Amino acid sequence: DLPIAELAAEVQAGKLKAVDLAQACLDAIAADTHHAVLEVNAAALDHAAEIDKRVAAGETVGPLAGVPFIAKDNFLTSGTHTTAASKILEPFTAPYQSTAVERLLAAGAVLVAKANLDAFAHGSSTENSDFGATKNPVDPERVPGGSSGGSAAAVALGLCSFALGTDTGGSIRLPASYCGVVGLKPTYGLVSRSGVVAMGSSVDVIGPLTNRVADAAAVLEVMAGPDKLDATTIERSKGSYAEYAGSLKGRTIGLIKEYLGEGVDPAVKQRIEATAEQLRAGGATVTEISLPAVELALSAYYIIRSEE
């Protein structure tokens, strides 16, 4: 339940054991009935034990020391299967690691499992998985959203400290909303797509699902930046993403008027307006803006995605 930065600091200080954290996650996964996870990482405890050994030797492990996480099962991960929730890939073992996972492991994070998704990330409910649907952690009679539904549900259920998702047309944002967790879709190219099963390469984006905004910043801090294995990656902004997870003073936030017109559920509109007031109270300037092209966005998305 600790924020990621605090959790890593406790492990680095030797006050918490990475092995205990990993085991707690594995126990929670074994007891879970929501089918958020497809496979546990058999090497998780060994990896955690190595981190504890390095801490005991006085080494600095990294900003995510001992923090347990779950990767959506379209991320290639060494030592586990990568199925993309399709039986076509059921026996597939990745020959190399995705860059995002590699960077997280290098920072001291511990991969404990792979999460369920809509097969090949095609869907928005995590019902389109060849290995069974994931249930919503708030109401098991409802869907968790998708396609990163297993990742969002895993975070909400406390099966890990954070999870990885991919977003092509809402696949991080929808499950984050449905499950009540933080989902961040960063700028395209900020996080490498190398080693991730593609849905639509010119629109796929990788991001974290967490319990807190500050946790999302901590994970993005490690993953963001250029990668020679992905030519679409971009230079990251200077400074720390943690700066953006703190004060809202001096920030300007746009409310898109085309999303608040006719057809918007009154309860949804009311919630958006209440959130805008919270942001103003926090020191932000909230301004209505117009993006006339949004009415074409869905059509453009379906053409691009289907072509790719």
C-alpha atoms as a PDB file:
ATOM      1  CA  ASP A   1       0.000   0.000   0.000  1.00  0.00           C
ATOM      2  CA  LEU A   2       3.000   2.320   0.248  1.00  0.00           C
ATOM      3  CA  PRO A   3       3.760   4.762  -2.573  1.00  0.00           C
ATOM      4  CA  ILE A   4       6.319   3.277  -4.952  1.00  0.00           C
ATOM      5  CA  ALA A   5       9.102   5.709  -4.003  1.00  0.00           C
ATOM      6  CA  GLU A   6       8.651   4.926  -0.297  1.00  0.00           C
ATOM      7  CA  LEU A   7       8.451   1.192  -0.937  1.00  0.00           C
ATOM      8  CA  ALA A   8      11.703   1.221  -2.906  1.00  0.00           C
ATOM      9  CA  ALA A   9      13.376   3.321  -0.196  1.00  0.00           C
ATOM     10  CA  GLU A  10      12.318   0.821   2.481  1.00  0.00           C
ATOM     11  CA  VAL A  11      13.778  -2.064   0.463  1.00  0.00           C
ATOM     12  CA  GLN A  12      16.975  -0.135  -0.264  1.00  0.00           C
ATOM     13  CA  ALA A  13      17.324   0.577   3.463  1.00  0.00           C
ATOM     14  CA  GLY A  14      16.853  -3.106   4.310  1.00  0.00           C
ATOM     15  CA  LYS A  15      13.654  -2.426   6.277  1.00  0.00           C
ATOM     16  CA  LEU A  16      11.565  -4.430   3.816  1.00  0.00           C
ATOM     17  CA  LYS A  17      12.625  -7.528   1.910  1.00  0.00           C
ATOM     18  CA  ALA A  18      12.021  -7.760  -1.812  1.00  0.00           C
ATOM     19  CA  VAL A  19      11.397 -11.491  -1.367  1.00  0.00           C
ATOM     20  CA  ASP A  20       8.586 -10.813   1.099  1.00  0.00           C
ATOM     21  CA  LEU A  21       6.956  -8.310  -1.241  1.00  0.00           C
ATOM     22  CA  ALA A  22       7.149 -10.696  -4.190  1.00  0.00           C
ATOM     23  CA  GLN A  23       5.794 -13.585  -2.115  1.00  0.00           C
ATOM     24  CA  ALA A  24       2.891 -11.443  -0.868  1.00  0.00           C
ATOM     25  CA  CYS A  25       1.975 -10.660  -4.479  1.00  0.00           C
ATOM     26  CA  LEU A  26       2.254 -14.302  -5.541  1.00  0.00           C
ATOM     27  CA  ASP A  27       0.027 -15.340  -2.625  1.00  0.00           C
ATOM     28  CA  ALA A  28      -2.547 -12.695  -3.543  1.00  0.00           C
ATOM     29  CA  ILE A  29      -2.484 -13.815  -7.187  1.00  0.00           C
ATOM     30  CA  ALA A  30      -3.007 -17.443  -6.163  1.00  0.00           C
ATOM     31  CA  ALA A  31      -6.060 -16.478  -4.084  1.00  0.00           C
ATOM     32  CA  ASP A  32      -7.596 -14.113  -6.657  1.00  0.00           C
ATOM     33  CA  THR A  33     -10.811 -15.088  -8.427  1.00  0.00           C
ATOM     34  CA  HIS A  34     -11.029 -12.206 -10.922  1.00  0.00           C
ATOM     35  CA  HIS A  35      -8.725 -13.841 -13.503  1.00  0.00           C
ATOM     36  CA  ALA A  36      -6.521 -10.776 -13.843  1.00  0.00           C
ATOM     37  CA  VAL A  37      -3.354 -12.852 -14.310  1.00  0.00           C
ATOM     38  CA  LEU A  38      -2.474 -15.405 -16.989  1.00  0.00           C
ATOM     39  CA  GLU A  39       0.896 -16.628 -15.702  1.00  0.00           C
ATOM     40  CA  VAL A  40       3.188 -15.993 -12.744  1.00  0.00           C
ATOM     41  CA  ASN A  41       6.888 -15.434 -13.275  1.00  0.00           C
ATOM     42  CA  ALA A  42       8.711 -18.507 -11.962  1.00  0.00           C
ATOM     43  CA  ALA A  43      11.886 -16.445 -11.533  1.00  0.00           C
ATOM     44  CA  ALA A  44      10.256 -13.700  -9.436  1.00  0.00           C
ATOM     45  CA  LEU A  45      11.472 -14.924  -6.047  1.00  0.00           C
ATOM     46  CA  ASP A  46      14.991 -15.556  -7.337  1.00  0.00           C
ATOM     47  CA  HIS A  47      15.131 -12.049  -8.775  1.00  0.00           C
ATOM     48  CA  ALA A  48      13.832 -10.600  -5.497  1.00  0.00           C
ATOM     49  CA  ALA A  49      16.391 -12.594  -3.503  1.00  0.00           C
ATOM     50  CA  GLU A  50      19.158 -11.173  -5.685  1.00  0.00           C
ATOM     51  CA  ILE A  51      17.967  -7.651  -4.895  1.00  0.00           C
ATOM     52  CA  ASP A  52      18.014  -8.397  -1.152  1.00  0.00           C
ATOM     53  CA  LYS A  53      21.523  -9.801  -1.553  1.00  0.00           C
ATOM     54  CA  ARG A  54      22.698  -6.632  -3.289  1.00  0.00           C
ATOM     55  CA  VAL A  55      21.131  -4.456  -0.586  1.00  0.00           C
ATOM     56  CA  ALA A  56      22.862  -6.509   2.121  1.00  0.00           C
ATOM     57  CA  ALA A  57      26.151  -5.978   0.280  1.00  0.00           C
ATOM     58  CA  GLY A  58      25.661  -2.221   0.406  1.00  0.00           C
ATOM     59  CA  GLU A  59      24.844  -1.747  -3.268  1.00  0.00           C
ATOM     60  CA  THR A  60      22.439   0.873  -4.571  1.00  0.00           C
ATOM     61  CA  VAL A  61      19.838  -1.156  -6.460  1.00  0.00           C
ATOM     62  CA  GLY A  62      17.776   1.532  -8.182  1.00  0.00           C
ATOM     63  CA  PRO A  63      14.720   3.788  -7.876  1.00  0.00           C
ATOM     64  CA  LEU A  64      12.302   0.828  -8.060  1.00  0.00           C
ATOM     65  CA  ALA A  65      14.227  -1.503  -5.723  1.00  0.00           C
ATOM     66  CA  GLY A  66      12.082  -4.547  -4.940  1.00  0.00           C
ATOM     67  CA  VAL A  67       8.849  -3.008  -6.263  1.00  0.00           C
ATOM     68  CA  PRO A  68       6.644  -5.818  -7.661  1.00  0.00           C
ATOM     69  CA  PHE A  69       4.902  -5.282 -10.996  1.00  0.00           C
ATOM     70  CA  ILE A  70       2.820  -7.128 -13.565  1.00  0.00           C
ATOM     71  CA  ALA A  71       3.211  -6.756 -17.341  1.00  0.00           C
ATOM     72  CA  LYS A  72       0.352  -7.021 -19.797  1.00  0.00           C
ATOM     73  CA  ASP A  73       0.860 -10.277 -21.663  1.00  0.00           C
ATOM     74  CA  ASN A  74       1.716  -8.581 -24.938  1.00  0.00           C
ATOM     75  CA  PHE A  75       5.099  -7.499 -23.496  1.00  0.00           C
ATOM     76  CA  LEU A  76       7.900  -9.923 -24.352  1.00  0.00           C
ATOM     77  CA  THR A  77       9.422 -11.176 -21.116  1.00  0.00           C
ATOM     78  CA  SER A  78      12.285 -13.624 -20.721  1.00  0.00           C
ATOM     79  CA  GLY A  79      11.456 -16.777 -18.801  1.00  0.00           C
ATOM     80  CA  THR A  80       7.680 -16.615 -19.231  1.00  0.00           C
ATOM     81  CA  HIS A  81       5.268 -17.138 -22.100  1.00  0.00           C
ATOM     82  CA  THR A  82       3.967 -14.170 -24.071  1.00  0.00           C
ATOM     83  CA  THR A  83       0.556 -15.101 -25.442  1.00  0.00           C
ATOM     84  CA  ALA A  84      -1.153 -11.754 -26.101  1.00  0.00           C
ATOM     85  CA  ALA A  85      -4.140 -13.718 -24.683  1.00  0.00           C
ATOM     86  CA  SER A  86      -4.326 -15.789 -27.868  1.00  0.00           C
ATOM     87  CA  LYS A  87      -3.964 -19.555 -28.096  1.00  0.00           C
ATOM     88  CA  ILE A  88      -2.056 -18.989 -31.320  1.00  0.00           C
ATOM     89  CA  LEU A  89       0.873 -17.855 -29.156  1.00  0.00           C
ATOM     90  CA  GLU A  90       0.196 -20.187 -26.197  1.00  0.00           C
ATOM     91  CA  PRO A  91       3.544 -22.055 -26.437  1.00  0.00           C
ATOM     92  CA  PHE A  92       5.609 -18.967 -27.353  1.00  0.00           C
ATOM     93  CA  THR A  93       8.578 -18.092 -25.149  1.00  0.00           C
ATOM     94  CA  ALA A  94      10.148 -14.734 -25.945  1.00  0.00           C
ATOM     95  CA  PRO A  95      13.754 -14.856 -27.207  1.00  0.00           C
ATOM     96  CA  TYR A  96      14.445 -11.382 -25.811  1.00  0.00           C
ATOM     97  CA  GLN A  97      13.004  -8.837 -23.392  1.00  0.00           C
ATOM     98  CA  SER A  98      10.903  -5.802 -24.227  1.00  0.00           C
ATOM     99  CA  THR A  99      12.785  -2.553 -23.639  1.00  0.00           C
ATOM    100  CA  ALA A 100      10.235  -1.211 -21.140  1.00  0.00           C
ATOM    101  CA  VAL A 101      10.476  -4.338 -18.991  1.00  0.00           C
ATOM    102  CA  GLU A 102      14.269  -4.382 -19.311  1.00  0.00           C
ATOM    103  CA  ARG A 103      14.506  -0.820 -18.021  1.00  0.00           C
ATOM    104  CA  LEU A 104      12.185  -1.557 -15.096  1.00  0.00           C
ATOM    105  CA  LEU A 105      14.194  -4.628 -14.090  1.00  0.00           C
ATOM    106  CA  ALA A 106      17.417  -2.630 -14.339  1.00  0.00           C
ATOM    107  CA  ALA A 107      15.881  -0.115 -11.924  1.00  0.00           C
ATOM    108  CA  GLY A 108      15.244  -2.898  -9.400  1.00  0.00           C
ATOM    109  CA  ALA A 109      11.574  -3.710 -10.057  1.00  0.00           C
ATOM    110  CA  VAL A 110      10.474  -7.354  -9.805  1.00  0.00           C
ATOM    111  CA  LEU A 111       8.217  -8.896 -12.464  1.00  0.00           C
ATOM    112  CA  VAL A 112       5.779 -11.187 -10.660  1.00  0.00           C
ATOM    113  CA  ALA A 113       3.266 -12.075 -13.392  1.00  0.00           C
ATOM    114  CA  LYS A 114       1.695 -11.457 -16.806  1.00  0.00           C
ATOM    115  CA  ALA A 115      -1.777  -9.905 -17.046  1.00  0.00           C
ATOM    116  CA  ASN A 116      -4.826 -10.882 -19.063  1.00  0.00           C
ATOM    117  CA  LEU A 117      -6.018  -8.744 -21.996  1.00  0.00           C
ATOM    118  CA  ASP A 118      -8.274  -8.787 -25.020  1.00  0.00           C
ATOM    119  CA  ALA A 119      -6.517 -11.070 -27.506  1.00  0.00           C
ATOM    120  CA  PHE A 120      -3.849  -9.135 -29.417  1.00  0.00           C
ATOM    121  CA  ALA A 121      -5.235  -6.020 -27.632  1.00  0.00           C
ATOM    122  CA  HIS A 122      -8.332  -6.081 -29.878  1.00  0.00           C
ATOM    123  CA  GLY A 123     -11.161  -5.126 -27.557  1.00  0.00           C
ATOM    124  CA  SER A 124     -12.259  -2.856 -24.742  1.00  0.00           C
ATOM    125  CA  SER A 125     -13.613  -5.235 -22.108  1.00  0.00           C
ATOM    126  CA  THR A 126     -11.037  -8.058 -21.597  1.00  0.00           C
ATOM    127  CA  GLU A 127     -13.778 -10.503 -22.570  1.00  0.00           C
ATOM    128  CA  ASN A 128     -12.024 -11.246 -25.872  1.00  0.00           C
ATOM    129  CA  SER A 129      -9.289 -13.361 -24.253  1.00  0.00           C
ATOM    130  CA  ASP A 130      -8.791 -16.955 -25.346  1.00  0.00           C
ATOM    131  CA  PHE A 131      -8.093 -17.809 -21.700  1.00  0.00           C
ATOM    132  CA  GLY A 132     -11.262 -16.366 -20.164  1.00  0.00           C
ATOM    133  CA  ALA A 133     -12.551 -12.933 -19.231  1.00  0.00           C
ATOM    134  CA  THR A 134     -11.300 -10.772 -16.379  1.00  0.00           C
ATOM    135  CA  LYS A 135     -13.877  -9.567 -13.850  1.00  0.00           C
ATOM    136  CA  ASN A 136     -14.186  -5.994 -12.645  1.00  0.00           C
ATOM    137  CA  PRO A 137     -12.598  -5.708  -9.163  1.00  0.00           C
ATOM    138  CA  VAL A 138     -15.335  -3.329  -7.963  1.00  0.00           C
ATOM    139  CA  ASP A 139     -18.267  -5.346  -9.312  1.00  0.00           C
ATOM    140  CA  PRO A 140     -17.519  -8.878 -10.641  1.00  0.00           C
ATOM    141  CA  GLU A 141     -20.732  -8.726 -12.699  1.00  0.00           C
ATOM    142  CA  ARG A 142     -19.222  -5.968 -14.808  1.00  0.00           C
ATOM    143  CA  VAL A 143     -16.221  -5.777 -17.162  1.00  0.00           C
ATOM    144  CA  PRO A 144     -12.907  -4.157 -16.186  1.00  0.00           C
ATOM    145  CA  GLY A 145     -12.510  -2.366 -19.496  1.00  0.00           C
ATOM    146  CA  GLY A 146      -9.805  -3.235 -21.970  1.00  0.00           C
ATOM    147  CA  SER A 147      -7.682  -4.129 -23.547  1.00  0.00           C
ATOM    148  CA  SER A 148      -5.425  -3.696 -20.488  1.00  0.00           C
ATOM    149  CA  GLY A 149      -8.180  -4.922 -18.164  1.00  0.00           C
ATOM    150  CA  GLY A 150      -6.036  -7.527 -16.434  1.00  0.00           C
ATOM    151  CA  SER A 151      -3.386  -4.905 -15.643  1.00  0.00           C
ATOM    152  CA  ALA A 152      -5.888  -2.416 -14.220  1.00  0.00           C
ATOM    153  CA  ALA A 153      -7.698  -5.090 -12.213  1.00  0.00           C
ATOM    154  CA  ALA A 154      -4.399  -6.393 -10.818  1.00  0.00           C
ATOM    155  CA  VAL A 155      -3.497  -2.944  -9.488  1.00  0.00           C
ATOM    156  CA  ALA A 156      -6.972  -2.362  -8.036  1.00  0.00           C
ATOM    157  CA  LEU A 157      -6.906  -5.792  -6.349  1.00  0.00           C
ATOM    158  CA  GLY A 158      -3.488  -5.205  -4.785  1.00  0.00           C
ATOM    159  CA  LEU A 159      -1.773  -7.981  -6.748  1.00  0.00           C
ATOM    160  CA  CYS A 160       1.167  -5.664  -7.525  1.00  0.00           C
ATOM    161  CA  SER A 161       2.380  -2.119  -6.972  1.00  0.00           C
ATOM    162  CA  PHE A 162       1.983  -1.195 -10.636  1.00  0.00           C
ATOM    163  CA  ALA A 163       1.235  -2.784 -13.982  1.00  0.00           C
ATOM    164  CA  LEU A 164       2.078  -2.109 -17.606  1.00  0.00           C
ATOM    165  CA  GLY A 165      -0.506  -1.497 -20.283  1.00  0.00           C
ATOM    166  CA  THR A 166      -0.707  -0.496 -23.930  1.00  0.00           C
ATOM    167  CA  ASP A 167      -3.123   2.032 -25.431  1.00  0.00           C
ATOM    168  CA  THR A 168      -4.090   2.275 -29.093  1.00  0.00           C
ATOM    169  CA  GLY A 169      -7.628   3.625 -28.792  1.00  0.00           C
ATOM    170  CA  GLY A 170      -8.269   3.715 -25.041  1.00  0.00           C
ATOM    171  CA  SER A 171      -6.742   0.465 -23.813  1.00  0.00           C
ATOM    172  CA  ILE A 172      -5.068   2.066 -20.764  1.00  0.00           C
ATOM    173  CA  ARG A 173      -7.577   4.854 -20.160  1.00  0.00           C
ATOM    174  CA  LEU A 174     -10.747   2.734 -20.281  1.00  0.00           C
ATOM    175  CA  PRO A 175      -9.676   0.060 -17.765  1.00  0.00           C
ATOM    176  CA  ALA A 176      -8.175   2.716 -15.481  1.00  0.00           C
ATOM    177  CA  SER A 177     -11.564   4.435 -15.447  1.00  0.00           C
ATOM    178  CA  TYR A 178     -13.558   1.223 -15.002  1.00  0.00           C
ATOM    179  CA  CYS A 179     -11.356  -0.097 -12.189  1.00  0.00           C
ATOM    180  CA  GLY A 180     -10.699   3.154 -10.339  1.00  0.00           C
ATOM    181  CA  VAL A 181      -6.926   3.359 -10.791  1.00  0.00           C
ATOM    182  CA  VAL A 182      -4.524   5.812 -12.446  1.00  0.00           C
ATOM    183  CA  GLY A 183      -3.844   5.113 -16.109  1.00  0.00           C
ATOM    184  CA  LEU A 184      -1.358   7.189 -18.066  1.00  0.00           C
ATOM    185  CA  LYS A 185      -1.166   7.283 -21.854  1.00  0.00           C
ATOM    186  CA  PRO A 186       2.045   9.254 -22.495  1.00  0.00           C
ATOM    187  CA  THR A 187       3.036  11.088 -25.657  1.00  0.00           C
ATOM    188  CA  TYR A 188       3.520   8.749 -28.630  1.00  0.00           C
ATOM    189  CA  GLY A 189       7.132   7.577 -28.787  1.00  0.00           C
ATOM    190  CA  LEU A 190       8.036   8.548 -25.235  1.00  0.00           C
ATOM    191  CA  VAL A 191       8.256   4.874 -24.227  1.00  0.00           C
ATOM    192  CA  SER A 192       9.825   2.289 -26.519  1.00  0.00           C
ATOM    193  CA  ARG A 193       7.518  -0.220 -28.226  1.00  0.00           C
ATOM    194  CA  SER A 194      10.370  -2.647 -28.845  1.00  0.00           C
ATOM    195  CA  GLY A 195       9.389  -6.134 -27.751  1.00  0.00           C
ATOM    196  CA  VAL A 196       5.669  -5.416 -27.509  1.00  0.00           C
ATOM    197  CA  VAL A 197       3.184  -7.253 -29.732  1.00  0.00           C
ATOM    198  CA  ALA A 198       1.835  -4.513 -31.999  1.00  0.00           C
ATOM    199  CA  MET A 199      -1.784  -3.653 -32.674  1.00  0.00           C
ATOM    200  CA  GLY A 200      -1.258  -0.478 -34.723  1.00  0.00           C
ATOM    201  CA  SER A 201       2.337   0.686 -34.705  1.00  0.00           C
ATOM    202  CA  SER A 202       1.670   4.329 -35.552  1.00  0.00           C
ATOM    203  CA  VAL A 203      -0.807   4.698 -32.664  1.00  0.00           C
ATOM    204  CA  ASP A 204       0.370   2.192 -30.010  1.00  0.00           C
ATOM    205  CA  VAL A 205       1.506   3.816 -26.759  1.00  0.00           C
ATOM    206  CA  ILE A 206       2.924   2.164 -23.620  1.00  0.00           C
ATOM    207  CA  GLY A 207       2.139   3.414 -20.134  1.00  0.00           C
ATOM    208  CA  PRO A 208       1.696   2.482 -16.467  1.00  0.00           C
ATOM    209  CA  LEU A 209      -1.366   1.662 -14.374  1.00  0.00           C
ATOM    210  CA  THR A 210      -0.926   2.600 -10.716  1.00  0.00           C
ATOM    211  CA  ASN A 211      -2.696   3.570  -7.507  1.00  0.00           C
ATOM    212  CA  ARG A 212      -1.354   7.130  -7.455  1.00  0.00           C
ATOM    213  CA  VAL A 213      -0.326   9.863  -9.877  1.00  0.00           C
ATOM    214  CA  ALA A 214       3.092  10.012  -8.181  1.00  0.00           C
ATOM    215  CA  ASP A 215       3.498   6.267  -8.784  1.00  0.00           C
ATOM    216  CA  ALA A 216       2.765   6.725 -12.494  1.00  0.00           C
ATOM    217  CA  ALA A 217       5.444   9.434 -12.580  1.00  0.00           C
ATOM    218  CA  ALA A 218       7.964   7.139 -10.868  1.00  0.00           C
ATOM    219  CA  VAL A 219       7.403   4.369 -13.409  1.00  0.00           C
ATOM    220  CA  LEU A 220       7.451   6.713 -16.411  1.00  0.00           C
ATOM    221  CA  GLU A 221      10.703   8.187 -15.099  1.00  0.00           C
ATOM    222  CA  VAL A 222      12.369   4.809 -15.634  1.00  0.00           C
ATOM    223  CA  MET A 223      10.755   3.804 -18.931  1.00  0.00           C
ATOM    224  CA  ALA A 224      10.817   7.070 -20.895  1.00  0.00           C
ATOM    225  CA  GLY A 225      13.453   8.005 -23.435  1.00  0.00           C
ATOM    226  CA  PRO A 226      15.000   7.055 -26.776  1.00  0.00           C
ATOM    227  CA  ASP A 227      15.690   3.446 -27.712  1.00  0.00           C
ATOM    228  CA  LYS A 228      17.796   2.389 -30.702  1.00  0.00           C
ATOM    229  CA  LEU A 229      15.472  -0.605 -31.139  1.00  0.00           C
ATOM    230  CA  ASP A 230      12.469   1.662 -31.792  1.00  0.00           C
ATOM    231  CA  ALA A 231      12.955   4.377 -34.404  1.00  0.00           C
ATOM    232  CA  THR A 232       9.772   6.176 -33.319  1.00  0.00           C
ATOM    233  CA  THR A 233      11.063   6.976 -29.830  1.00  0.00           C
ATOM    234  CA  ILE A 234      11.649  10.614 -28.916  1.00  0.00           C
ATOM    235  CA  GLU A 235      13.812  12.575 -26.513  1.00  0.00           C
ATOM    236  CA  ARG A 236      12.208  13.006 -23.107  1.00  0.00           C
ATOM    237  CA  SER A 237      11.715  16.345 -21.385  1.00  0.00           C
ATOM    238  CA  LYS A 238      14.422  17.491 -19.025  1.00  0.00           C
ATOM    239  CA  GLY A 239      13.739  17.301 -15.319  1.00  0.00           C
ATOM    240  CA  SER A 240      11.742  14.776 -13.337  1.00  0.00           C
ATOM    241  CA  TYR A 241       8.190  13.653 -14.044  1.00  0.00           C
ATOM    242  CA  ALA A 242       7.662  13.757 -10.275  1.00  0.00           C
ATOM    243  CA  GLU A 243       7.541  17.555 -10.646  1.00  0.00           C
ATOM    244  CA  TYR A 244       4.275  17.180 -12.533  1.00  0.00           C
ATOM    245  CA  ALA A 245       2.759  14.930  -9.873  1.00  0.00           C
ATOM    246  CA  GLY A 246       2.947  17.620  -7.202  1.00  0.00           C
ATOM    247  CA  SER A 247       1.581  21.163  -7.217  1.00  0.00           C
ATOM    248  CA  LEU A 248      -0.909  22.293  -9.846  1.00  0.00           C
ATOM    249  CA  LYS A 249       0.073  25.945  -9.474  1.00  0.00           C
ATOM    250  CA  GLY A 250       1.051  27.432 -12.804  1.00  0.00           C
ATOM    251  CA  ARG A 251      -0.495  24.557 -14.803  1.00  0.00           C
ATOM    252  CA  THR A 252      -3.080  25.178 -17.498  1.00  0.00           C
ATOM    253  CA  ILE A 253      -5.645  22.486 -18.190  1.00  0.00           C
ATOM    254  CA  GLY A 254      -7.909  22.454 -21.237  1.00  0.00           C
ATOM    255  CA  LEU A 255     -11.520  21.284 -21.191  1.00  0.00           C
ATOM    256  CA  ILE A 256     -12.476  20.263 -24.724  1.00  0.00           C
ATOM    257  CA  LYS A 257     -15.908  21.690 -25.417  1.00  0.00           C
ATOM    258  CA  GLU A 258     -16.676  19.131 -28.152  1.00  0.00           C
ATOM    259  CA  TYR A 259     -16.592  16.418 -25.482  1.00  0.00           C
ATOM    260  CA  LEU A 260     -19.060  18.266 -23.251  1.00  0.00           C
ATOM    261  CA  GLY A 261     -21.870  18.965 -25.682  1.00  0.00           C
ATOM    262  CA  GLU A 262     -25.053  17.099 -26.570  1.00  0.00           C
ATOM    263  CA  GLY A 263     -24.945  13.372 -26.040  1.00  0.00           C
ATOM    264  CA  VAL A 264     -22.791  13.457 -22.928  1.00  0.00           C
ATOM    265  CA  ASP A 265     -24.421  11.693 -19.988  1.00  0.00           C
ATOM    266  CA  PRO A 266     -25.470  14.376 -17.449  1.00  0.00           C
ATOM    267  CA  ALA A 267     -23.871  12.471 -14.581  1.00  0.00           C
ATOM    268  CA  VAL A 268     -20.587  12.224 -16.492  1.00  0.00           C
ATOM    269  CA  LYS A 269     -20.663  15.941 -17.329  1.00  0.00           C
ATOM    270  CA  GLN A 270     -21.364  16.784 -13.696  1.00  0.00           C
ATOM    271  CA  ARG A 271     -18.398  14.668 -12.586  1.00  0.00           C
ATOM    272  CA  ILE A 272     -16.097  16.376 -15.108  1.00  0.00           C
ATOM    273  CA  GLU A 273     -17.201  19.824 -13.948  1.00  0.00           C
ATOM    274  CA  ALA A 274     -16.686  18.846 -10.295  1.00  0.00           C
ATOM    275  CA  THR A 275     -13.188  17.624 -11.144  1.00  0.00           C
ATOM    276  CA  ALA A 276     -12.456  20.904 -12.935  1.00  0.00           C
ATOM    277  CA  GLU A 277     -13.394  22.751  -9.753  1.00  0.00           C
ATOM    278  CA  GLN A 278     -11.020  20.543  -7.758  1.00  0.00           C
ATOM    279  CA  LEU A 279      -8.242  21.379 -10.196  1.00  0.00           C
ATOM    280  CA  ARG A 280      -8.960  25.104  -9.885  1.00  0.00           C
ATOM    281  CA  ALA A 281      -8.919  24.773  -6.109  1.00  0.00           C
ATOM    282  CA  GLY A 282      -5.522  23.097  -6.422  1.00  0.00           C
ATOM    283  CA  GLY A 283      -4.109  26.117  -8.222  1.00  0.00           C
ATOM    284  CA  ALA A 284      -4.544  25.207 -11.879  1.00  0.00           C
ATOM    285  CA  THR A 285      -6.052  27.401 -14.558  1.00  0.00           C
ATOM    286  CA  VAL A 286      -8.854  25.514 -16.304  1.00  0.00           C
ATOM    287  CA  THR A 287      -9.767  26.861 -19.739  1.00  0.00           C
ATOM    288  CA  GLU A 288     -12.311  25.708 -22.305  1.00  0.00           C
ATOM    289  CA  ILE A 289     -10.721  24.987 -25.674  1.00  0.00           C
ATOM    290  CA  SER A 290     -12.027  23.813 -29.032  1.00  0.00           C
ATOM    291  CA  LEU A 291     -10.684  20.901 -31.111  1.00  0.00           C
ATOM    292  CA  PRO A 292     -13.073  20.733 -34.087  1.00  0.00           C
ATOM    293  CA  ALA A 293     -11.224  17.763 -35.594  1.00  0.00           C
ATOM    294  CA  VAL A 294     -12.249  15.428 -32.762  1.00  0.00           C
ATOM    295  CA  GLU A 295     -15.415  14.512 -34.667  1.00  0.00           C
ATOM    296  CA  LEU A 296     -13.139  12.925 -37.296  1.00  0.00           C
ATOM    297  CA  ALA A 297     -10.820  11.214 -34.824  1.00  0.00           C
ATOM    298  CA  LEU A 298     -12.674   7.922 -34.443  1.00  0.00           C
ATOM    299  CA  SER A 299     -13.056   7.465 -38.201  1.00  0.00           C
ATOM    300  CA  ALA A 300      -9.372   8.207 -38.742  1.00  0.00           C
ATOM    301  CA  TYR A 301      -8.431   5.808 -35.943  1.00  0.00           C
ATOM    302  CA  TYR A 302     -10.392   2.915 -37.413  1.00  0.00           C
ATOM    303  CA  ILE A 303      -8.888   3.447 -40.871  1.00  0.00           C
ATOM    304  CA  ILE A 304      -5.300   3.639 -39.572  1.00  0.00           C
ATOM    305  CA  ARG A 305      -5.669   0.764 -37.109  1.00  0.00           C
ATOM    306  CA  SER A 306      -7.375  -1.529 -39.592  1.00  0.00           C
ATOM    307  CA  GLU A 307      -4.780  -0.850 -42.270  1.00  0.00           C
ATOM    308  CA  GLU A 308      -1.908  -1.630 -39.913  1.00  0.00           C
END
